[in-house]
């Protein structure tokens, strides 16, 4: 079926309906959008390698204080209670995550927060 097109000519409406693609964004729109402060900070953490260093520090501190062993014991207890074949990883994550977050020692949180503050002061975004 022929229908009028925007240029004044006639087009086949079946062909127009068959093209389902998103419009491409204008280059100017993307250039005007500046990353938010949070995005800039995240980029700095990743590019500098500080994010990986902080993650490694967190792993070390959680092992040192026995947190990792405590979480492992909680997982084993939950699996034993529910039965090995009746537990999924998602079940474990759902049950253990709130307990794990709540049991991180304040000293570990304070140390990480201080390291983050020091890093942010050094890059002075």
PDB file of N, CA and C in Angstrom:
ATOM      1  N   UNK A   1       0.839  -1.182   0.000  1.00  0.00           N
ATOM      2  CA  UNK A   1       0.000   0.000   0.000  1.00  0.00           C
ATOM      3  C   UNK A   1       0.880   1.241   0.000  1.00  0.00           C
ATOM      4  N   UNK A   2       0.608   2.172  -0.858  1.00  0.00           N
ATOM      5  CA  UNK A   2       1.387   3.392  -0.947  1.00  0.00           C
ATOM      6  C   UNK A   2       0.784   4.462  -0.058  1.00  0.00           C
ATOM      7  N   UNK A   3       1.656   5.123   0.694  1.00  0.00           N
ATOM      8  CA  UNK A   3       1.229   6.207   1.578  1.00  0.00           C
ATOM      9  C   UNK A   3       2.162   7.392   1.368  1.00  0.00           C
ATOM     10  N   UNK A   4       1.695   8.620   1.667  1.00  0.00           N
ATOM     11  CA  UNK A   4       2.571   9.787   1.493  1.00  0.00           C
ATOM     12  C   UNK A   4       3.728   9.754   2.503  1.00  0.00           C
ATOM     13  N   UNK A   5       4.928  10.047   2.020  1.00  0.00           N
ATOM     14  CA  UNK A   5       6.106  10.116   2.883  1.00  0.00           C
ATOM     15  C   UNK A   5       6.370  11.566   3.248  1.00  0.00           C
ATOM     16  N   UNK A   6       7.326  11.776   4.143  1.00  0.00           N
ATOM     17  CA  UNK A   6       7.634  13.126   4.605  1.00  0.00           C
ATOM     18  C   UNK A   6       8.201  14.023   3.493  1.00  0.00           C
ATOM     19  N   UNK A   7       8.796  13.411   2.477  1.00  0.00           N
ATOM     20  CA  UNK A   7       9.372  14.214   1.394  1.00  0.00           C
ATOM     21  C   UNK A   7       8.358  14.511   0.282  1.00  0.00           C
ATOM     22  N   UNK A   8       7.076  14.165   0.481  1.00  0.00           N
ATOM     23  CA  UNK A   8       6.041  14.444  -0.496  1.00  0.00           C
ATOM     24  C   UNK A   8       5.827  13.345  -1.509  1.00  0.00           C
ATOM     25  N   UNK A   9       6.718  12.366  -1.567  1.00  0.00           N
ATOM     26  CA  UNK A   9       6.574  11.244  -2.484  1.00  0.00           C
ATOM     27  C   UNK A   9       5.749  10.153  -1.815  1.00  0.00           C
ATOM     28  N   UNK A  10       5.470   9.094  -2.553  1.00  0.00           N
ATOM     29  CA  UNK A  10       4.730   7.984  -1.991  1.00  0.00           C
ATOM     30  C   UNK A  10       5.680   6.838  -1.647  1.00  0.00           C
ATOM     31  N   UNK A  11       5.418   6.186  -0.509  1.00  0.00           N
ATOM     32  CA  UNK A  11       6.261   5.089  -0.042  1.00  0.00           C
ATOM     33  C   UNK A  11       5.404   3.858   0.200  1.00  0.00           C
ATOM     34  N   UNK A  12       6.038   2.717   0.188  1.00  0.00           N
ATOM     35  CA  UNK A  12       5.366   1.468   0.500  1.00  0.00           C
ATOM     36  C   UNK A  12       5.300   1.354   2.030  1.00  0.00           C
ATOM     37  N   UNK A  13       4.112   1.379   2.616  1.00  0.00           N
ATOM     38  CA  UNK A  13       3.959   1.357   4.078  1.00  0.00           C
ATOM     39  C   UNK A  13       4.469   0.060   4.687  1.00  0.00           C
ATOM     40  N   UNK A  14       4.429  -1.044   3.940  1.00  0.00           N
ATOM     41  CA  UNK A  14       4.927  -2.321   4.462  1.00  0.00           C
ATOM     42  C   UNK A  14       6.437  -2.254   4.690  1.00  0.00           C
ATOM     43  N   UNK A  15       7.150  -1.585   3.810  1.00  0.00           N
ATOM     44  CA  UNK A  15       8.600  -1.463   3.984  1.00  0.00           C
ATOM     45  C   UNK A  15       8.930  -0.598   5.201  1.00  0.00           C
ATOM     46  N   UNK A  16       8.181   0.460   5.393  1.00  0.00           N
ATOM     47  CA  UNK A  16       8.445   1.345   6.519  1.00  0.00           C
ATOM     48  C   UNK A  16       8.195   0.641   7.849  1.00  0.00           C
ATOM     49  N   UNK A  17       7.192  -0.197   7.915  1.00  0.00           N
ATOM     50  CA  UNK A  17       6.872  -0.893   9.160  1.00  0.00           C
ATOM     51  C   UNK A  17       7.896  -1.980   9.485  1.00  0.00           C
ATOM     52  N   UNK A  18       8.577  -2.496   8.470  1.00  0.00           N
ATOM     53  CA  UNK A  18       9.497  -3.600   8.706  1.00  0.00           C
ATOM     54  C   UNK A  18      10.817  -3.147   9.321  1.00  0.00           C
ATOM     55  N   UNK A  19      11.093  -1.882   9.285  1.00  0.00           N
ATOM     56  CA  UNK A  19      12.347  -1.381   9.845  1.00  0.00           C
ATOM     57  C   UNK A  19      12.088  -0.965  11.289  1.00  0.00           C
ATOM     58  N   UNK A  20      12.577  -1.771  12.209  1.00  0.00           N
ATOM     59  CA  UNK A  20      12.417  -1.483  13.638  1.00  0.00           C
ATOM     60  C   UNK A  20      13.782  -1.223  14.246  1.00  0.00           C
ATOM     61  N   UNK A  21      14.247  -0.022  14.123  1.00  0.00           N
ATOM     62  CA  UNK A  21      15.538   0.299  14.710  1.00  0.00           C
ATOM     63  C   UNK A  21      15.408   1.592  15.500  1.00  0.00           C
ATOM     64  N   UNK A  22      16.257   1.692  16.483  1.00  0.00           N
ATOM     65  CA  UNK A  22      16.254   2.890  17.309  1.00  0.00           C
ATOM     66  C   UNK A  22      16.925   4.019  16.567  1.00  0.00           C
ATOM     67  N   UNK A  23      16.495   5.223  16.840  1.00  0.00           N
ATOM     68  CA  UNK A  23      17.149   6.353  16.206  1.00  0.00           C
ATOM     69  C   UNK A  23      18.535   6.515  16.815  1.00  0.00           C
ATOM     70  N   UNK A  24      19.465   6.931  16.006  1.00  0.00           N
ATOM     71  CA  UNK A  24      20.829   7.113  16.510  1.00  0.00           C
ATOM     72  C   UNK A  24      20.915   8.458  17.207  1.00  0.00           C
ATOM     73  N   UNK A  25      21.575   8.488  18.364  1.00  0.00           N
ATOM     74  CA  UNK A  25      21.666   9.756  19.090  1.00  0.00           C
ATOM     75  C   UNK A  25      22.574  10.735  18.357  1.00  0.00           C
ATOM     76  N   UNK A  26      22.277  12.000  18.488  1.00  0.00           N
ATOM     77  CA  UNK A  26      23.108  13.023  17.872  1.00  0.00           C
ATOM     78  C   UNK A  26      24.439  13.097  18.607  1.00  0.00           C
ATOM     79  N   UNK A  27      25.489  13.287  17.862  1.00  0.00           N
ATOM     80  CA  UNK A  27      26.826  13.375  18.452  1.00  0.00           C
ATOM     81  C   UNK A  27      26.896  14.565  19.399  1.00  0.00           C
ATOM     82  N   UNK A  28      26.254  15.653  19.035  1.00  0.00           N
ATOM     83  CA  UNK A  28      26.286  16.850  19.873  1.00  0.00           C
ATOM     84  C   UNK A  28      25.663  16.602  21.237  1.00  0.00           C
ATOM     85  N   UNK A  29      24.594  15.814  21.305  1.00  0.00           N
ATOM     86  CA  UNK A  29      23.940  15.529  22.580  1.00  0.00           C
ATOM     87  C   UNK A  29      24.885  14.807  23.527  1.00  0.00           C
ATOM     88  N   UNK A  30      25.632  13.825  23.038  1.00  0.00           N
ATOM     89  CA  UNK A  30      26.550  13.057  23.868  1.00  0.00           C
ATOM     90  C   UNK A  30      27.735  13.904  24.320  1.00  0.00           C
ATOM     91  N   UNK A  31      28.176  14.852  23.498  1.00  0.00           N
ATOM     92  CA  UNK A  31      29.302  15.688  23.875  1.00  0.00           C
ATOM     93  C   UNK A  31      28.919  16.673  24.962  1.00  0.00           C
ATOM     94  N   UNK A  32      27.681  17.114  24.989  1.00  0.00           N
ATOM     95  CA  UNK A  32      27.229  18.067  25.986  1.00  0.00           C
ATOM     96  C   UNK A  32      27.058  17.427  27.359  1.00  0.00           C
ATOM     97  N   UNK A  33      26.790  16.150  27.401  1.00  0.00           N
ATOM     98  CA  UNK A  33      26.544  15.468  28.671  1.00  0.00           C
ATOM     99  C   UNK A  33      27.874  15.195  29.366  1.00  0.00           C
ATOM    100  N   UNK A  34      28.051  15.808  30.522  1.00  0.00           N
ATOM    101  CA  UNK A  34      29.270  15.608  31.299  1.00  0.00           C
ATOM    102  C   UNK A  34      28.995  14.550  32.360  1.00  0.00           C
ATOM    103  N   UNK A  35      30.005  13.746  32.690  1.00  0.00           N
ATOM    104  CA  UNK A  35      29.792  12.729  33.725  1.00  0.00           C
ATOM    105  C   UNK A  35      29.524  13.384  35.078  1.00  0.00           C
ATOM    106  N   UNK A  36      28.690  12.750  35.865  1.00  0.00           N
ATOM    107  CA  UNK A  36      28.374  13.269  37.193  1.00  0.00           C
ATOM    108  C   UNK A  36      29.596  13.130  38.087  1.00  0.00           C
ATOM    109  N   UNK A  37      29.554  13.761  39.228  1.00  0.00           N
ATOM    110  CA  UNK A  37      30.659  13.675  40.185  1.00  0.00           C
ATOM    111  C   UNK A  37      30.899  12.227  40.587  1.00  0.00           C
ATOM    112  N   UNK A  38      29.834  11.501  40.848  1.00  0.00           N
ATOM    113  CA  UNK A  38      29.958  10.092  41.224  1.00  0.00           C
ATOM    114  C   UNK A  38      30.627   9.285  40.106  1.00  0.00           C
ATOM    115  N   UNK A  39      30.248   9.545  38.858  1.00  0.00           N
ATOM    116  CA  UNK A  39      30.858   8.840  37.728  1.00  0.00           C
ATOM    117  C   UNK A  39      32.339   9.198  37.592  1.00  0.00           C
ATOM    118  N   UNK A  40      32.673  10.467  37.790  1.00  0.00           N
ATOM    119  CA  UNK A  40      34.076  10.890  37.702  1.00  0.00           C
ATOM    120  C   UNK A  40      34.910  10.247  38.808  1.00  0.00           C
ATOM    121  N   UNK A  41      34.349  10.174  40.005  1.00  0.00           N
ATOM    122  CA  UNK A  41      35.063   9.541  41.118  1.00  0.00           C
ATOM    123  C   UNK A  41      35.287   8.069  40.821  1.00  0.00           C
ATOM    124  N   UNK A  42      34.255   7.401  40.355  1.00  0.00           N
ATOM    125  CA  UNK A  42      34.369   5.974  40.037  1.00  0.00           C
ATOM    126  C   UNK A  42      35.443   5.739  38.961  1.00  0.00           C
ATOM    127  N   UNK A  43      35.466   6.576  37.958  1.00  0.00           N
ATOM    128  CA  UNK A  43      36.477   6.462  36.900  1.00  0.00           C
ATOM    129  C   UNK A  43      37.877   6.620  37.487  1.00  0.00           C
ATOM    130  N   UNK A  44      38.036   7.615  38.370  1.00  0.00           N
ATOM    131  CA  UNK A  44      39.344   7.834  39.005  1.00  0.00           C
ATOM    132  C   UNK A  44      39.771   6.626  39.832  1.00  0.00           C
ATOM    133  N   UNK A  45      38.839   6.056  40.598  1.00  0.00           N
ATOM    134  CA  UNK A  45      39.148   4.880  41.417  1.00  0.00           C
ATOM    135  C   UNK A  45      39.624   3.720  40.547  1.00  0.00           C
ATOM    136  N   UNK A  46      38.962   3.507  39.443  1.00  0.00           N
ATOM    137  CA  UNK A  46      39.307   2.382  38.569  1.00  0.00           C
ATOM    138  C   UNK A  46      40.612   2.631  37.833  1.00  0.00           C
ATOM    139  N   UNK A  47      40.726   3.808  37.186  1.00  0.00           N
ATOM    140  CA  UNK A  47      41.915   4.098  36.382  1.00  0.00           C
ATOM    141  C   UNK A  47      43.196   4.134  37.202  1.00  0.00           C
ATOM    142  N   UNK A  48      43.097   4.583  38.437  1.00  0.00           N
ATOM    143  CA  UNK A  48      44.297   4.697  39.273  1.00  0.00           C
ATOM    144  C   UNK A  48      44.688   3.361  39.898  1.00  0.00           C
ATOM    145  N   UNK A  49      43.752   2.407  39.883  1.00  0.00           N
ATOM    146  CA  UNK A  49      44.021   1.121  40.525  1.00  0.00           C
ATOM    147  C   UNK A  49      43.656   1.114  41.999  1.00  0.00           C
ATOM    148  N   UNK A  50      43.179   2.250  42.502  1.00  0.00           N
ATOM    149  CA  UNK A  50      42.844   2.354  43.929  1.00  0.00           C
ATOM    150  C   UNK A  50      41.679   1.450  44.307  1.00  0.00           C
ATOM    151  N   UNK A  51      40.738   1.267  43.407  1.00  0.00           N
ATOM    152  CA  UNK A  51      39.591   0.405  43.707  1.00  0.00           C
ATOM    153  C   UNK A  51      40.057  -1.017  43.991  1.00  0.00           C
ATOM    154  N   UNK A  52      40.954  -1.522  43.163  1.00  0.00           N
ATOM    155  CA  UNK A  52      41.468  -2.885  43.360  1.00  0.00           C
ATOM    156  C   UNK A  52      42.278  -2.978  44.651  1.00  0.00           C
ATOM    157  N   UNK A  53      43.073  -1.937  44.949  1.00  0.00           N
ATOM    158  CA  UNK A  53      43.843  -1.940  46.201  1.00  0.00           C
ATOM    159  C   UNK A  53      42.920  -1.946  47.411  1.00  0.00           C
ATOM    160  N   UNK A  54      41.838  -1.168  47.352  1.00  0.00           N
ATOM    161  CA  UNK A  54      40.878  -1.139  48.465  1.00  0.00           C
ATOM    162  C   UNK A  54      40.173  -2.487  48.619  1.00  0.00           C
ATOM    163  N   UNK A  55      39.828  -3.113  47.500  1.00  0.00           N
ATOM    164  CA  UNK A  55      39.183  -4.429  47.566  1.00  0.00           C
ATOM    165  C   UNK A  55      40.124  -5.453  48.206  1.00  0.00           C
ATOM    166  N   UNK A  56      41.388  -5.397  47.845  1.00  0.00           N
ATOM    167  CA  UNK A  56      42.364  -6.322  48.416  1.00  0.00           C
ATOM    168  C   UNK A  56      42.551  -6.057  49.911  1.00  0.00           C
ATOM    169  N   UNK A  57      42.600  -4.806  50.297  1.00  0.00           N
ATOM    170  CA  UNK A  57      42.696  -4.456  51.716  1.00  0.00           C
ATOM    171  C   UNK A  57      41.493  -4.979  52.479  1.00  0.00           C
ATOM    172  N   UNK A  58      40.307  -4.810  51.921  1.00  0.00           N
ATOM    173  CA  UNK A  58      39.085  -5.305  52.558  1.00  0.00           C
ATOM    174  C   UNK A  58      39.143  -6.816  52.722  1.00  0.00           C
ATOM    175  N   UNK A  59      39.551  -7.530  51.683  1.00  0.00           N
ATOM    176  CA  UNK A  59      39.672  -8.999  51.790  1.00  0.00           C
ATOM    177  C   UNK A  59      40.610  -9.389  52.929  1.00  0.00           C
ATOM    178  N   UNK A  60      41.775  -8.742  52.982  1.00  0.00           N
ATOM    179  CA  UNK A  60      42.757  -9.049  54.027  1.00  0.00           C
ATOM    180  C   UNK A  60      42.194  -8.795  55.419  1.00  0.00           C
ATOM    181  N   UNK A  61      41.570  -7.648  55.601  1.00  0.00           N
ATOM    182  CA  UNK A  61      41.039  -7.293  56.931  1.00  0.00           C
ATOM    183  C   UNK A  61      39.915  -8.239  57.360  1.00  0.00           C
ATOM    184  N   UNK A  62      39.067  -8.630  56.421  1.00  0.00           N
ATOM    185  CA  UNK A  62      37.964  -9.536  56.768  1.00  0.00           C
ATOM    186  C   UNK A  62      38.482 -10.927  57.112  1.00  0.00           C
ATOM    187  N   UNK A  63      39.544 -11.350  56.480  1.00  0.00           N
ATOM    188  CA  UNK A  63      40.148 -12.642  56.827  1.00  0.00           C
ATOM    189  C   UNK A  63      40.806 -12.540  58.203  1.00  0.00           C
ATOM    190  N   UNK A  64      41.554 -11.453  58.445  1.00  0.00           N
ATOM    191  CA  UNK A  64      42.252 -11.254  59.717  1.00  0.00           C
ATOM    192  C   UNK A  64      41.311 -11.266  60.911  1.00  0.00           C
ATOM    193  N   UNK A  65      40.153 -10.635  60.768  1.00  0.00           N
ATOM    194  CA  UNK A  65      39.237 -10.525  61.912  1.00  0.00           C
ATOM    195  C   UNK A  65      38.319 -11.739  62.052  1.00  0.00           C
ATOM    196  N   UNK A  66      38.409 -12.707  61.154  1.00  0.00           N
ATOM    197  CA  UNK A  66      37.610 -13.919  61.261  1.00  0.00           C
ATOM    198  C   UNK A  66      36.238 -13.829  60.615  1.00  0.00           C
ATOM    199  N   UNK A  67      35.967 -12.735  59.951  1.00  0.00           N
ATOM    200  CA  UNK A  67      34.667 -12.525  59.312  1.00  0.00           C
ATOM    201  C   UNK A  67      34.411 -13.574  58.236  1.00  0.00           C
ATOM    202  N   UNK A  68      35.416 -13.855  57.440  1.00  0.00           N
ATOM    203  CA  UNK A  68      35.249 -14.821  56.347  1.00  0.00           C
ATOM    204  C   UNK A  68      34.894 -16.200  56.894  1.00  0.00           C
ATOM    205  N   UNK A  69      35.581 -16.630  57.947  1.00  0.00           N
ATOM    206  CA  UNK A  69      35.278 -17.932  58.557  1.00  0.00           C
ATOM    207  C   UNK A  69      33.879 -17.954  59.152  1.00  0.00           C
ATOM    208  N   UNK A  70      33.473 -16.833  59.734  1.00  0.00           N
ATOM    209  CA  UNK A  70      32.123 -16.725  60.303  1.00  0.00           C
ATOM    210  C   UNK A  70      31.058 -16.872  59.214  1.00  0.00           C
ATOM    211  N   UNK A  71      31.275 -16.230  58.064  1.00  0.00           N
ATOM    212  CA  UNK A  71      30.323 -16.321  56.960  1.00  0.00           C
ATOM    213  C   UNK A  71      30.298 -17.744  56.387  1.00  0.00           C
ATOM    214  N   UNK A  72      31.461 -18.362  56.313  1.00  0.00           N
ATOM    215  CA  UNK A  72      31.536 -19.728  55.815  1.00  0.00           C
ATOM    216  C   UNK A  72      30.748 -20.660  56.737  1.00  0.00           C
ATOM    217  N   UNK A  73      30.879 -20.456  58.047  1.00  0.00           N
ATOM    218  CA  UNK A  73      30.144 -21.278  59.018  1.00  0.00           C
ATOM    219  C   UNK A  73      28.638 -21.055  58.894  1.00  0.00           C
ATOM    220  N   UNK A  74      28.222 -19.809  58.692  1.00  0.00           N
ATOM    221  CA  UNK A  74      26.796 -19.516  58.505  1.00  0.00           C
ATOM    222  C   UNK A  74      26.257 -20.216  57.258  1.00  0.00           C
ATOM    223  N   UNK A  75      27.035 -20.210  56.192  1.00  0.00           N
ATOM    224  CA  UNK A  75      26.624 -20.880  54.956  1.00  0.00           C
ATOM    225  C   UNK A  75      26.475 -22.382  55.178  1.00  0.00           C
ATOM    226  N   UNK A  76      27.448 -22.967  55.830  1.00  0.00           N
ATOM    227  CA  UNK A  76      27.392 -24.402  56.082  1.00  0.00           C
ATOM    228  C   UNK A  76      26.196 -24.759  56.953  1.00  0.00           C
ATOM    229  N   UNK A  77      25.937 -23.948  57.966  1.00  0.00           N
ATOM    230  CA  UNK A  77      24.803 -24.189  58.852  1.00  0.00           C
ATOM    231  C   UNK A  77      23.484 -24.115  58.084  1.00  0.00           C
ATOM    232  N   UNK A  78      23.362 -23.106  57.226  1.00  0.00           N
ATOM    233  CA  UNK A  78      22.139 -22.948  56.434  1.00  0.00           C
ATOM    234  C   UNK A  78      21.941 -24.129  55.490  1.00  0.00           C
ATOM    235  N   UNK A  79      23.029 -24.563  54.858  1.00  0.00           N
ATOM    236  CA  UNK A  79      22.950 -25.697  53.930  1.00  0.00           C
ATOM    237  C   UNK A  79      22.570 -26.974  54.673  1.00  0.00           C
ATOM    238  N   UNK A  80      23.141 -27.162  55.839  1.00  0.00           N
ATOM    239  CA  UNK A  80      22.837 -28.352  56.630  1.00  0.00           C
ATOM    240  C   UNK A  80      21.367 -28.354  57.056  1.00  0.00           C
ATOM    241  N   UNK A  81      20.870 -27.191  57.434  1.00  0.00           N
ATOM    242  CA  UNK A  81      19.480 -27.048  57.886  1.00  0.00           C
ATOM    243  C   UNK A  81      18.491 -27.323  56.748  1.00  0.00           C
ATOM    244  N   UNK A  82      18.749 -26.769  55.568  1.00  0.00           N
ATOM    245  CA  UNK A  82      17.824 -26.892  54.434  1.00  0.00           C
ATOM    246  C   UNK A  82      18.027 -28.163  53.614  1.00  0.00           C
ATOM    247  N   UNK A  83      19.193 -28.748  53.715  1.00  0.00           N
ATOM    248  CA  UNK A  83      19.498 -29.905  52.878  1.00  0.00           C
ATOM    249  C   UNK A  83      20.297 -29.478  51.673  1.00  0.00           C
ATOM    250  N   UNK A  84      21.342 -30.206  51.397  1.00  0.00           N
ATOM    251  CA  UNK A  84      22.278 -29.826  50.336  1.00  0.00           C
ATOM    252  C   UNK A  84      21.617 -29.643  48.971  1.00  0.00           C
ATOM    253  N   UNK A  85      20.654 -30.475  48.654  1.00  0.00           N
ATOM    254  CA  UNK A  85      20.010 -30.411  47.343  1.00  0.00           C
ATOM    255  C   UNK A  85      18.888 -29.374  47.261  1.00  0.00           C
ATOM    256  N   UNK A  86      18.568 -28.756  48.381  1.00  0.00           N
ATOM    257  CA  UNK A  86      17.456 -27.805  48.421  1.00  0.00           C
ATOM    258  C   UNK A  86      17.908 -26.350  48.519  1.00  0.00           C
ATOM    259  N   UNK A  87      19.195 -26.097  48.334  1.00  0.00           N
ATOM    260  CA  UNK A  87      19.726 -24.743  48.483  1.00  0.00           C
ATOM    261  C   UNK A  87      20.390 -24.299  47.185  1.00  0.00           C
ATOM    262  N   UNK A  88      20.083 -23.081  46.774  1.00  0.00           N
ATOM    263  CA  UNK A  88      20.745 -22.497  45.610  1.00  0.00           C
ATOM    264  C   UNK A  88      21.694 -21.393  46.087  1.00  0.00           C
ATOM    265  N   UNK A  89      22.549 -20.962  45.204  1.00  0.00           N
ATOM    266  CA  UNK A  89      23.456 -19.864  45.533  1.00  0.00           C
ATOM    267  C   UNK A  89      22.641 -18.614  45.852  1.00  0.00           C
ATOM    268  N   UNK A  90      21.569 -18.396  45.108  1.00  0.00           N
ATOM    269  CA  UNK A  90      20.715 -17.239  45.372  1.00  0.00           C
ATOM    270  C   UNK A  90      20.123 -17.286  46.773  1.00  0.00           C
ATOM    271  N   UNK A  91      19.724 -18.481  47.231  1.00  0.00           N
ATOM    272  CA  UNK A  91      19.209 -18.631  48.595  1.00  0.00           C
ATOM    273  C   UNK A  91      20.261 -18.205  49.608  1.00  0.00           C
ATOM    274  N   UNK A  92      21.485 -18.686  49.407  1.00  0.00           N
ATOM    275  CA  UNK A  92      22.578 -18.340  50.321  1.00  0.00           C
ATOM    276  C   UNK A  92      22.831 -16.835  50.330  1.00  0.00           C
ATOM    277  N   UNK A  93      22.905 -16.244  49.164  1.00  0.00           N
ATOM    278  CA  UNK A  93      23.154 -14.810  49.073  1.00  0.00           C
ATOM    279  C   UNK A  93      22.050 -14.034  49.780  1.00  0.00           C
ATOM    280  N   UNK A  94      20.809 -14.431  49.575  1.00  0.00           N
ATOM    281  CA  UNK A  94      19.669 -13.740  50.173  1.00  0.00           C
ATOM    282  C   UNK A  94      19.710 -13.803  51.702  1.00  0.00           C
ATOM    283  N   UNK A  95      20.105 -14.937  52.238  1.00  0.00           N
ATOM    284  CA  UNK A  95      20.110 -15.119  53.695  1.00  0.00           C
ATOM    285  C   UNK A  95      21.371 -14.531  54.335  1.00  0.00           C
ATOM    286  N   UNK A  96      22.505 -14.726  53.711  1.00  0.00           N
ATOM    287  CA  UNK A  96      23.787 -14.365  54.323  1.00  0.00           C
ATOM    288  C   UNK A  96      24.134 -12.881  54.162  1.00  0.00           C
ATOM    289  N   UNK A  97      23.760 -12.261  53.072  1.00  0.00           N
ATOM    290  CA  UNK A  97      24.164 -10.879  52.808  1.00  0.00           C
ATOM    291  C   UNK A  97      23.818  -9.911  53.936  1.00  0.00           C
ATOM    292  N   UNK A  98      22.582  -9.870  54.422  1.00  0.00           N
ATOM    293  CA  UNK A  98      22.300  -8.919  55.515  1.00  0.00           C
ATOM    294  C   UNK A  98      23.136  -9.199  56.775  1.00  0.00           C
ATOM    295  N   UNK A  99      23.318 -10.466  57.093  1.00  0.00           N
ATOM    296  CA  UNK A  99      24.115 -10.817  58.269  1.00  0.00           C
ATOM    297  C   UNK A  99      25.571 -10.440  58.050  1.00  0.00           C
ATOM    298  N   UNK A 100      26.061 -10.676  56.849  1.00  0.00           N
ATOM    299  CA  UNK A 100      27.445 -10.355  56.539  1.00  0.00           C
ATOM    300  C   UNK A 100      27.725  -8.872  56.602  1.00  0.00           C
ATOM    301  N   UNK A 101      26.862  -8.069  56.032  1.00  0.00           N
ATOM    302  CA  UNK A 101      27.051  -6.619  56.056  1.00  0.00           C
ATOM    303  C   UNK A 101      26.993  -6.069  57.478  1.00  0.00           C
ATOM    304  N   UNK A 102      26.083  -6.596  58.253  1.00  0.00           N
ATOM    305  CA  UNK A 102      25.916  -6.112  59.628  1.00  0.00           C
ATOM    306  C   UNK A 102      27.083  -6.501  60.530  1.00  0.00           C
ATOM    307  N   UNK A 103      27.789  -7.565  60.174  1.00  0.00           N
ATOM    308  CA  UNK A 103      28.841  -8.048  61.069  1.00  0.00           C
ATOM    309  C   UNK A 103      30.247  -7.593  60.689  1.00  0.00           C
ATOM    310  N   UNK A 104      30.373  -6.733  59.701  1.00  0.00           N
ATOM    311  CA  UNK A 104      31.696  -6.191  59.367  1.00  0.00           C
ATOM    312  C   UNK A 104      32.122  -5.277  60.516  1.00  0.00           C
ATOM    313  N   UNK A 105      33.304  -5.511  61.063  1.00  0.00           N
ATOM    314  CA  UNK A 105      33.751  -4.703  62.207  1.00  0.00           C
ATOM    315  C   UNK A 105      33.858  -3.216  61.862  1.00  0.00           C
ATOM    316  N   UNK A 106      33.499  -2.375  62.817  1.00  0.00           N
ATOM    317  CA  UNK A 106      33.558  -0.932  62.612  1.00  0.00           C
ATOM    318  C   UNK A 106      34.980  -0.460  62.300  1.00  0.00           C
ATOM    319  N   UNK A 107      35.968  -1.125  62.865  1.00  0.00           N
ATOM    320  CA  UNK A 107      37.356  -0.725  62.612  1.00  0.00           C
ATOM    321  C   UNK A 107      37.717  -0.906  61.135  1.00  0.00           C
ATOM    322  N   UNK A 108      37.201  -1.952  60.513  1.00  0.00           N
ATOM    323  CA  UNK A 108      37.463  -2.194  59.088  1.00  0.00           C
ATOM    324  C   UNK A 108      36.768  -1.120  58.254  1.00  0.00           C
ATOM    325  N   UNK A 109      35.532  -0.806  58.609  1.00  0.00           N
ATOM    326  CA  UNK A 109      34.806   0.238  57.885  1.00  0.00           C
ATOM    327  C   UNK A 109      35.521   1.578  58.009  1.00  0.00           C
ATOM    328  N   UNK A 110      35.975   1.892  59.220  1.00  0.00           N
ATOM    329  CA  UNK A 110      36.653   3.167  59.460  1.00  0.00           C
ATOM    330  C   UNK A 110      37.956   3.255  58.665  1.00  0.00           C
ATOM    331  N   UNK A 111      38.711   2.171  58.620  1.00  0.00           N
ATOM    332  CA  UNK A 111      39.973   2.171  57.875  1.00  0.00           C
ATOM    333  C   UNK A 111      39.722   2.398  56.382  1.00  0.00           C
ATOM    334  N   UNK A 112      38.737   1.707  55.833  1.00  0.00           N
ATOM    335  CA  UNK A 112      38.420   1.878  54.409  1.00  0.00           C
ATOM    336  C   UNK A 112      37.936   3.292  54.119  1.00  0.00           C
ATOM    337  N   UNK A 113      37.095   3.821  54.988  1.00  0.00           N
ATOM    338  CA  UNK A 113      36.579   5.173  54.797  1.00  0.00           C
ATOM    339  C   UNK A 113      37.721   6.186  54.816  1.00  0.00           C
ATOM    340  N   UNK A 114      38.675   5.992  55.708  1.00  0.00           N
ATOM    341  CA  UNK A 114      39.819   6.902  55.773  1.00  0.00           C
ATOM    342  C   UNK A 114      40.659   6.821  54.503  1.00  0.00           C
ATOM    343  N   UNK A 115      40.854   5.618  53.999  1.00  0.00           N
ATOM    344  CA  UNK A 115      41.620   5.445  52.754  1.00  0.00           C
ATOM    345  C   UNK A 115      40.888   6.105  51.574  1.00  0.00           C
ATOM    346  N   UNK A 116      39.574   5.999  51.537  1.00  0.00           N
ATOM    347  CA  UNK A 116      38.786   6.630  50.469  1.00  0.00           C
ATOM    348  C   UNK A 116      38.914   8.150  50.556  1.00  0.00           C
ATOM    349  N   UNK A 117      38.795   8.683  51.765  1.00  0.00           N
ATOM    350  CA  UNK A 117      38.927  10.134  51.947  1.00  0.00           C
ATOM    351  C   UNK A 117      40.308  10.632  51.520  1.00  0.00           C
ATOM    352  N   UNK A 118      41.332   9.900  51.913  1.00  0.00           N
ATOM    353  CA  UNK A 118      42.702  10.277  51.540  1.00  0.00           C
ATOM    354  C   UNK A 118      42.861  10.287  50.037  1.00  0.00           C
ATOM    355  N   UNK A 119      42.332   9.263  49.380  1.00  0.00           N
ATOM    356  CA  UNK A 119      42.416   9.193  47.927  1.00  0.00           C
ATOM    357  C   UNK A 119      41.695  10.377  47.287  1.00  0.00           C
ATOM    358  N   UNK A 120      40.489  10.658  47.751  1.00  0.00           N
ATOM    359  CA  UNK A 120      39.717  11.758  47.159  1.00  0.00           C
ATOM    360  C   UNK A 120      40.411  13.097  47.353  1.00  0.00           C
ATOM    361  N   UNK A 121      41.049  13.288  48.498  1.00  0.00           N
ATOM    362  CA  UNK A 121      41.779  14.546  48.726  1.00  0.00           C
ATOM    363  C   UNK A 121      42.996  14.642  47.795  1.00  0.00           C
ATOM    364  N   UNK A 122      43.610  13.499  47.503  1.00  0.00           N
ATOM    365  CA  UNK A 122      44.804  13.526  46.659  1.00  0.00           C
ATOM    366  C   UNK A 122      44.489  13.813  45.194  1.00  0.00           C
ATOM    367  N   UNK A 123      43.317  13.400  44.719  1.00  0.00           N
ATOM    368  CA  UNK A 123      42.967  13.662  43.321  1.00  0.00           C
ATOM    369  C   UNK A 123      42.223  14.977  43.155  1.00  0.00           C
ATOM    370  N   UNK A 124      41.653  15.494  44.224  1.00  0.00           N
ATOM    371  CA  UNK A 124      40.974  16.786  44.241  1.00  0.00           C
ATOM    372  C   UNK A 124      40.122  17.019  43.000  1.00  0.00           C
ATOM    373  N   UNK A 125      39.053  16.253  42.885  1.00  0.00           N
ATOM    374  CA  UNK A 125      38.121  16.421  41.763  1.00  0.00           C
ATOM    375  C   UNK A 125      37.457  17.744  41.958  1.00  0.00           C
TER     376      UNK A 125
END
